[in-house]
């Protein structure tokens, strides 16, 4: 992207940070042409830099919120992108690394297969702790799991015993995810390594995927 395009995107983000919540507000703050404004806002929303609710109001997206959180935390697990790509190439499925942020698990890294049916999970995607495979892994070893009334204590105990979680994506029908814990330097569970894809492909090979994920998690 040309420098001018990046500068315009930054101007739009600055306007939203300053309180612009509608396209009209952003237009007034930036004086950008309508065609440019709609195109750039659409790209920013697609990349989770901005988010737009059903009424059309704009706010900061989860990707930016994850940057803000990361700036205040020392990462316990550094992302091994080469390893994530190896997992993707070996399995042919989408691979993600999640970490916990408050009451959600946040996708901090994601790699997608180049061909075939993909399960797109953009960086910055936020999933519930209770319902997602990555969330169940992060919650299973959490000291505050008792705070979550919707959590199935017996299921979390099984996750700890088995060392993995399998769950359908509540926001993506027909998608199944498998996740395992990634340990930090002190042995605590610091992240969840996840493979996701169409249920018809993932379910028959769940055990094999868990073994591949466990081996990869040990190399972080």
C-alpha atoms as a PDB file:
ATOM      1  CA  UNK A   1       0.000   0.000   0.000  1.00  0.00           C
ATOM      2  CA  UNK A   2       1.268   3.491  -0.850  1.00  0.00           C
ATOM      3  CA  UNK A   3       2.329   5.762   1.990  1.00  0.00           C
ATOM      4  CA  UNK A   4      -0.624   8.057   1.266  1.00  0.00           C
ATOM      5  CA  UNK A   5      -3.027   5.157   1.820  1.00  0.00           C
ATOM      6  CA  UNK A   6      -1.452   4.287   5.150  1.00  0.00           C
ATOM      7  CA  UNK A   7      -1.571   7.916   6.235  1.00  0.00           C
ATOM      8  CA  UNK A   8      -5.267   8.117   5.367  1.00  0.00           C
ATOM      9  CA  UNK A   9      -5.979   4.969   7.353  1.00  0.00           C
ATOM     10  CA  UNK A  10      -4.168   6.438  10.345  1.00  0.00           C
ATOM     11  CA  UNK A  11      -6.178   9.640  10.026  1.00  0.00           C
ATOM     12  CA  UNK A  12      -9.391   7.588  10.100  1.00  0.00           C
ATOM     13  CA  UNK A  13      -8.254   5.609  13.153  1.00  0.00           C
ATOM     14  CA  UNK A  14      -7.227   8.822  14.895  1.00  0.00           C
ATOM     15  CA  UNK A  15     -10.692  10.241  14.233  1.00  0.00           C
ATOM     16  CA  UNK A  16     -12.410   7.199  15.755  1.00  0.00           C
ATOM     17  CA  UNK A  17     -10.089   7.304  18.782  1.00  0.00           C
ATOM     18  CA  UNK A  18     -11.020  10.978  19.192  1.00  0.00           C
ATOM     19  CA  UNK A  19     -14.718  10.094  19.311  1.00  0.00           C
ATOM     20  CA  UNK A  20     -15.973   9.893  15.722  1.00  0.00           C
ATOM     21  CA  UNK A  21     -18.508   7.064  15.756  1.00  0.00           C
ATOM     22  CA  UNK A  22     -20.215   7.353  12.378  1.00  0.00           C
ATOM     23  CA  UNK A  23     -19.066   7.685   8.794  1.00  0.00           C
ATOM     24  CA  UNK A  24     -20.406  11.251   8.794  1.00  0.00           C
ATOM     25  CA  UNK A  25     -18.307  12.031  11.879  1.00  0.00           C
ATOM     26  CA  UNK A  26     -15.188  10.579  10.260  1.00  0.00           C
ATOM     27  CA  UNK A  27     -15.877  12.458   7.024  1.00  0.00           C
ATOM     28  CA  UNK A  28     -16.185  15.728   8.925  1.00  0.00           C
ATOM     29  CA  UNK A  29     -12.951  15.053  10.833  1.00  0.00           C
ATOM     30  CA  UNK A  30     -10.882  13.874   7.880  1.00  0.00           C
ATOM     31  CA  UNK A  31     -12.464  15.592   4.851  1.00  0.00           C
ATOM     32  CA  UNK A  32     -11.735  12.471   2.819  1.00  0.00           C
ATOM     33  CA  UNK A  33     -13.808  11.770  -0.331  1.00  0.00           C
ATOM     34  CA  UNK A  34     -16.732   9.390   0.179  1.00  0.00           C
ATOM     35  CA  UNK A  35     -15.336   6.691  -2.104  1.00  0.00           C
ATOM     36  CA  UNK A  36     -11.967   6.704  -0.335  1.00  0.00           C
ATOM     37  CA  UNK A  37     -13.576   6.840   3.090  1.00  0.00           C
ATOM     38  CA  UNK A  38     -15.892   3.865   2.552  1.00  0.00           C
ATOM     39  CA  UNK A  39     -13.127   1.798   0.964  1.00  0.00           C
ATOM     40  CA  UNK A  40     -10.610   2.423   3.751  1.00  0.00           C
ATOM     41  CA  UNK A  41     -13.128   1.966   6.552  1.00  0.00           C
ATOM     42  CA  UNK A  42     -14.161  -1.322   4.964  1.00  0.00           C
ATOM     43  CA  UNK A  43     -10.535  -2.486   4.897  1.00  0.00           C
ATOM     44  CA  UNK A  44      -9.969  -1.436   8.507  1.00  0.00           C
ATOM     45  CA  UNK A  45     -13.090  -3.317   9.613  1.00  0.00           C
ATOM     46  CA  UNK A  46     -12.022  -6.405   7.645  1.00  0.00           C
ATOM     47  CA  UNK A  47      -8.687  -6.349   9.470  1.00  0.00           C
ATOM     48  CA  UNK A  48     -10.290  -5.881  12.926  1.00  0.00           C
ATOM     49  CA  UNK A  49      -8.594  -2.504  13.356  1.00  0.00           C
ATOM     50  CA  UNK A  50     -12.071  -0.980  13.541  1.00  0.00           C
ATOM     51  CA  UNK A  51     -15.356  -2.641  14.316  1.00  0.00           C
ATOM     52  CA  UNK A  52     -18.842  -1.634  13.228  1.00  0.00           C
ATOM     53  CA  UNK A  53     -21.974  -2.622  15.132  1.00  0.00           C
ATOM     54  CA  UNK A  54     -25.372  -3.396  13.616  1.00  0.00           C
ATOM     55  CA  UNK A  55     -26.359   0.259  13.748  1.00  0.00           C
ATOM     56  CA  UNK A  56     -23.243   1.182  11.783  1.00  0.00           C
ATOM     57  CA  UNK A  57     -21.382   2.904  14.621  1.00  0.00           C
ATOM     58  CA  UNK A  58     -17.607   2.602  14.601  1.00  0.00           C
ATOM     59  CA  UNK A  59     -15.226   1.812  17.454  1.00  0.00           C
ATOM     60  CA  UNK A  60     -11.789   0.313  17.990  1.00  0.00           C
ATOM     61  CA  UNK A  61     -11.497  -3.290  16.831  1.00  0.00           C
ATOM     62  CA  UNK A  62     -10.162  -6.215  18.810  1.00  0.00           C
ATOM     63  CA  UNK A  63      -6.864  -6.100  16.937  1.00  0.00           C
ATOM     64  CA  UNK A  64      -6.095  -2.642  18.321  1.00  0.00           C
ATOM     65  CA  UNK A  65      -7.336  -3.653  21.750  1.00  0.00           C
ATOM     66  CA  UNK A  66      -4.939  -6.586  21.699  1.00  0.00           C
ATOM     67  CA  UNK A  67      -2.085  -4.189  20.853  1.00  0.00           C
ATOM     68  CA  UNK A  68      -3.050  -2.041  23.820  1.00  0.00           C
ATOM     69  CA  UNK A  69      -3.104  -5.025  26.143  1.00  0.00           C
ATOM     70  CA  UNK A  70       0.177  -6.352  24.786  1.00  0.00           C
ATOM     71  CA  UNK A  71       1.843  -3.017  25.472  1.00  0.00           C
ATOM     72  CA  UNK A  72       1.146  -3.426  29.198  1.00  0.00           C
ATOM     73  CA  UNK A  73       2.142  -7.084  29.496  1.00  0.00           C
ATOM     74  CA  UNK A  74       5.386  -8.999  29.193  1.00  0.00           C
ATOM     75  CA  UNK A  75       4.634 -11.833  26.766  1.00  0.00           C
ATOM     76  CA  UNK A  76       4.995 -15.221  28.461  1.00  0.00           C
ATOM     77  CA  UNK A  77       5.057 -17.028  25.127  1.00  0.00           C
ATOM     78  CA  UNK A  78       6.735 -15.587  22.075  1.00  0.00           C
ATOM     79  CA  UNK A  79       5.061 -16.462  18.807  1.00  0.00           C
ATOM     80  CA  UNK A  80       6.978 -19.006  16.744  1.00  0.00           C
ATOM     81  CA  UNK A  81       5.618 -18.225  13.278  1.00  0.00           C
ATOM     82  CA  UNK A  82       7.861 -20.780  11.587  1.00  0.00           C
ATOM     83  CA  UNK A  83       6.358 -23.479  13.798  1.00  0.00           C
ATOM     84  CA  UNK A  84       2.806 -22.293  13.093  1.00  0.00           C
ATOM     85  CA  UNK A  85       3.474 -22.471   9.358  1.00  0.00           C
ATOM     86  CA  UNK A  86       4.932 -25.975   9.739  1.00  0.00           C
ATOM     87  CA  UNK A  87       1.741 -27.056  11.507  1.00  0.00           C
ATOM     88  CA  UNK A  88      -0.387 -25.525   8.756  1.00  0.00           C
ATOM     89  CA  UNK A  89       1.614 -27.222   6.009  1.00  0.00           C
ATOM     90  CA  UNK A  90       1.581 -30.575   7.772  1.00  0.00           C
ATOM     91  CA  UNK A  91      -2.154 -30.608   8.540  1.00  0.00           C
ATOM     92  CA  UNK A  92      -3.533 -28.446   5.741  1.00  0.00           C
ATOM     93  CA  UNK A  93      -5.707 -26.651   8.306  1.00  0.00           C
ATOM     94  CA  UNK A  94      -5.854 -23.221   9.937  1.00  0.00           C
ATOM     95  CA  UNK A  95      -3.557 -22.768  12.939  1.00  0.00           C
ATOM     96  CA  UNK A  96      -3.886 -20.139  15.662  1.00  0.00           C
ATOM     97  CA  UNK A  97      -2.287 -19.102  18.925  1.00  0.00           C
ATOM     98  CA  UNK A  98      -4.661 -17.738  21.569  1.00  0.00           C
ATOM     99  CA  UNK A  99      -4.026 -16.065  24.879  1.00  0.00           C
ATOM    100  CA  UNK A 100      -6.389 -14.951  27.586  1.00  0.00           C
ATOM    101  CA  UNK A 101      -7.429 -11.307  27.842  1.00  0.00           C
ATOM    102  CA  UNK A 102      -9.925 -10.737  30.672  1.00  0.00           C
ATOM    103  CA  UNK A 103     -13.009 -12.897  29.980  1.00  0.00           C
ATOM    104  CA  UNK A 104     -12.090 -13.830  26.416  1.00  0.00           C
ATOM    105  CA  UNK A 105      -9.380 -15.607  24.512  1.00  0.00           C
ATOM    106  CA  UNK A 106      -7.764 -13.484  21.848  1.00  0.00           C
ATOM    107  CA  UNK A 107      -6.151 -14.725  18.648  1.00  0.00           C
ATOM    108  CA  UNK A 108      -2.612 -13.336  18.727  1.00  0.00           C
ATOM    109  CA  UNK A 109      -1.312 -15.207  15.665  1.00  0.00           C
ATOM    110  CA  UNK A 110      -2.980 -17.002  12.779  1.00  0.00           C
ATOM    111  CA  UNK A 111      -1.825 -18.786   9.622  1.00  0.00           C
ATOM    112  CA  UNK A 112      -4.154 -20.077   6.922  1.00  0.00           C
ATOM    113  CA  UNK A 113      -3.675 -22.684   4.183  1.00  0.00           C
ATOM    114  CA  UNK A 114      -3.185 -21.164   0.750  1.00  0.00           C
ATOM    115  CA  UNK A 115      -5.581 -23.517  -0.992  1.00  0.00           C
ATOM    116  CA  UNK A 116      -8.778 -25.383  -0.234  1.00  0.00           C
ATOM    117  CA  UNK A 117     -11.527 -24.697   2.262  1.00  0.00           C
ATOM    118  CA  UNK A 118     -10.193 -22.445   5.015  1.00  0.00           C
ATOM    119  CA  UNK A 119     -11.373 -21.395   8.452  1.00  0.00           C
ATOM    120  CA  UNK A 120     -10.346 -17.777   8.587  1.00  0.00           C
ATOM    121  CA  UNK A 121      -9.529 -16.585  12.117  1.00  0.00           C
ATOM    122  CA  UNK A 122      -8.028 -13.090  11.847  1.00  0.00           C
ATOM    123  CA  UNK A 123      -5.561 -11.830  14.420  1.00  0.00           C
ATOM    124  CA  UNK A 124      -7.565  -9.952  17.028  1.00  0.00           C
ATOM    125  CA  UNK A 125     -10.540 -12.340  16.908  1.00  0.00           C
ATOM    126  CA  UNK A 126     -12.042 -12.643  20.376  1.00  0.00           C
ATOM    127  CA  UNK A 127     -13.761 -15.878  21.431  1.00  0.00           C
ATOM    128  CA  UNK A 128     -15.534 -16.725  24.700  1.00  0.00           C
ATOM    129  CA  UNK A 129     -13.575 -18.648  27.295  1.00  0.00           C
ATOM    130  CA  UNK A 130     -16.470 -20.970  28.091  1.00  0.00           C
ATOM    131  CA  UNK A 131     -17.546 -22.022  24.591  1.00  0.00           C
ATOM    132  CA  UNK A 132     -14.370 -22.197  22.478  1.00  0.00           C
ATOM    133  CA  UNK A 133     -11.715 -24.928  22.406  1.00  0.00           C
ATOM    134  CA  UNK A 134      -8.903 -22.445  23.087  1.00  0.00           C
ATOM    135  CA  UNK A 135     -10.960 -20.821  25.827  1.00  0.00           C
ATOM    136  CA  UNK A 136     -11.664 -24.143  27.533  1.00  0.00           C
ATOM    137  CA  UNK A 137      -7.923 -24.879  27.587  1.00  0.00           C
ATOM    138  CA  UNK A 138      -7.098 -21.489  29.083  1.00  0.00           C
ATOM    139  CA  UNK A 139      -9.934 -21.765  31.599  1.00  0.00           C
ATOM    140  CA  UNK A 140      -9.176 -25.373  32.601  1.00  0.00           C
ATOM    141  CA  UNK A 141      -5.914 -24.317  34.261  1.00  0.00           C
ATOM    142  CA  UNK A 142      -7.128 -20.897  35.474  1.00  0.00           C
ATOM    143  CA  UNK A 143      -7.264 -20.266  39.211  1.00  0.00           C
ATOM    144  CA  UNK A 144     -10.429 -18.184  38.814  1.00  0.00           C
ATOM    145  CA  UNK A 145     -12.509 -20.664  36.819  1.00  0.00           C
ATOM    146  CA  UNK A 146     -15.024 -20.727  39.664  1.00  0.00           C
ATOM    147  CA  UNK A 147     -16.104 -17.203  38.610  1.00  0.00           C
ATOM    148  CA  UNK A 148     -17.723 -18.565  35.450  1.00  0.00           C
ATOM    149  CA  UNK A 149     -21.160 -19.921  36.265  1.00  0.00           C
ATOM    150  CA  UNK A 150     -21.588 -21.199  32.695  1.00  0.00           C
ATOM    151  CA  UNK A 151     -18.407 -23.280  32.845  1.00  0.00           C
ATOM    152  CA  UNK A 152     -18.829 -27.044  33.146  1.00  0.00           C
ATOM    153  CA  UNK A 153     -16.478 -28.000  35.973  1.00  0.00           C
ATOM    154  CA  UNK A 154     -16.491 -31.681  34.979  1.00  0.00           C
ATOM    155  CA  UNK A 155     -15.652 -30.805  31.388  1.00  0.00           C
ATOM    156  CA  UNK A 156     -12.766 -28.588  32.483  1.00  0.00           C
ATOM    157  CA  UNK A 157     -11.478 -31.450  34.633  1.00  0.00           C
ATOM    158  CA  UNK A 158     -11.567 -33.708  31.561  1.00  0.00           C
ATOM    159  CA  UNK A 159      -9.649 -31.094  29.581  1.00  0.00           C
ATOM    160  CA  UNK A 160      -6.918 -31.063  32.241  1.00  0.00           C
ATOM    161  CA  UNK A 161      -6.837 -34.866  32.339  1.00  0.00           C
ATOM    162  CA  UNK A 162      -6.755 -35.309  28.551  1.00  0.00           C
ATOM    163  CA  UNK A 163      -4.548 -32.279  27.902  1.00  0.00           C
ATOM    164  CA  UNK A 164      -6.711 -30.894  25.104  1.00  0.00           C
ATOM    165  CA  UNK A 165     -10.119 -29.473  24.273  1.00  0.00           C
ATOM    166  CA  UNK A 166     -12.380 -29.999  21.264  1.00  0.00           C
ATOM    167  CA  UNK A 167     -15.256 -27.642  20.556  1.00  0.00           C
ATOM    168  CA  UNK A 168     -17.406 -26.376  17.708  1.00  0.00           C
ATOM    169  CA  UNK A 169     -17.081 -22.722  16.781  1.00  0.00           C
ATOM    170  CA  UNK A 170     -20.289 -21.082  18.013  1.00  0.00           C
ATOM    171  CA  UNK A 171     -19.787 -18.210  15.566  1.00  0.00           C
ATOM    172  CA  UNK A 172     -18.986 -20.459  12.582  1.00  0.00           C
ATOM    173  CA  UNK A 173     -21.400 -23.381  12.013  1.00  0.00           C
ATOM    174  CA  UNK A 174     -19.694 -26.498  10.729  1.00  0.00           C
ATOM    175  CA  UNK A 175     -16.258 -25.568  12.092  1.00  0.00           C
ATOM    176  CA  UNK A 176     -14.519 -27.649  14.758  1.00  0.00           C
ATOM    177  CA  UNK A 177     -11.417 -26.654  16.722  1.00  0.00           C
ATOM    178  CA  UNK A 178      -8.837 -28.639  18.684  1.00  0.00           C
ATOM    179  CA  UNK A 179      -6.616 -26.855  21.225  1.00  0.00           C
ATOM    180  CA  UNK A 180      -3.797 -27.747  23.621  1.00  0.00           C
ATOM    181  CA  UNK A 181      -2.046 -25.704  26.323  1.00  0.00           C
ATOM    182  CA  UNK A 182       1.272 -23.935  25.783  1.00  0.00           C
ATOM    183  CA  UNK A 183       3.348 -23.538  28.929  1.00  0.00           C
ATOM    184  CA  UNK A 184       5.157 -20.380  29.963  1.00  0.00           C
ATOM    185  CA  UNK A 185       8.653 -20.262  31.493  1.00  0.00           C
ATOM    186  CA  UNK A 186       7.359 -21.119  34.972  1.00  0.00           C
ATOM    187  CA  UNK A 187       5.224 -24.035  33.820  1.00  0.00           C
ATOM    188  CA  UNK A 188       1.945 -22.111  33.888  1.00  0.00           C
ATOM    189  CA  UNK A 189      -0.473 -22.311  30.962  1.00  0.00           C
ATOM    190  CA  UNK A 190       0.205 -19.100  29.062  1.00  0.00           C
ATOM    191  CA  UNK A 191      -1.487 -19.719  25.710  1.00  0.00           C
ATOM    192  CA  UNK A 192      -3.513 -22.191  23.686  1.00  0.00           C
ATOM    193  CA  UNK A 193      -2.352 -23.643  20.374  1.00  0.00           C
ATOM    194  CA  UNK A 194      -5.278 -24.427  18.109  1.00  0.00           C
ATOM    195  CA  UNK A 195      -6.115 -26.100  14.799  1.00  0.00           C
ATOM    196  CA  UNK A 196      -9.531 -25.500  13.258  1.00  0.00           C
ATOM    197  CA  UNK A 197     -11.370 -26.452  10.120  1.00  0.00           C
ATOM    198  CA  UNK A 198     -14.503 -28.100   8.751  1.00  0.00           C
ATOM    199  CA  UNK A 199     -15.982 -30.596  11.210  1.00  0.00           C
ATOM    200  CA  UNK A 200     -16.063 -33.349   8.574  1.00  0.00           C
ATOM    201  CA  UNK A 201     -12.268 -33.101   8.236  1.00  0.00           C
ATOM    202  CA  UNK A 202     -11.285 -32.395  11.831  1.00  0.00           C
ATOM    203  CA  UNK A 203     -13.398 -34.892  13.792  1.00  0.00           C
ATOM    204  CA  UNK A 204     -12.040 -38.114  12.209  1.00  0.00           C
ATOM    205  CA  UNK A 205      -8.449 -37.065  12.929  1.00  0.00           C
ATOM    206  CA  UNK A 206      -8.869 -35.428  16.329  1.00  0.00           C
ATOM    207  CA  UNK A 207      -6.467 -37.801  18.093  1.00  0.00           C
ATOM    208  CA  UNK A 208      -3.773 -37.359  15.447  1.00  0.00           C
ATOM    209  CA  UNK A 209      -4.143 -33.571  15.517  1.00  0.00           C
ATOM    210  CA  UNK A 210      -3.829 -33.546  19.318  1.00  0.00           C
ATOM    211  CA  UNK A 211      -0.549 -35.465  19.074  1.00  0.00           C
ATOM    212  CA  UNK A 212       0.790 -33.034  16.460  1.00  0.00           C
ATOM    213  CA  UNK A 213      -0.292 -30.037  18.565  1.00  0.00           C
ATOM    214  CA  UNK A 214       1.275 -31.460  21.738  1.00  0.00           C
ATOM    215  CA  UNK A 215       4.601 -31.933  19.983  1.00  0.00           C
ATOM    216  CA  UNK A 216       4.461 -28.398  18.612  1.00  0.00           C
ATOM    217  CA  UNK A 217       3.433 -26.846  21.940  1.00  0.00           C
ATOM    218  CA  UNK A 218       6.504 -28.362  23.580  1.00  0.00           C
ATOM    219  CA  UNK A 219       8.713 -26.424  21.139  1.00  0.00           C
ATOM    220  CA  UNK A 220       7.413 -22.957  22.026  1.00  0.00           C
END
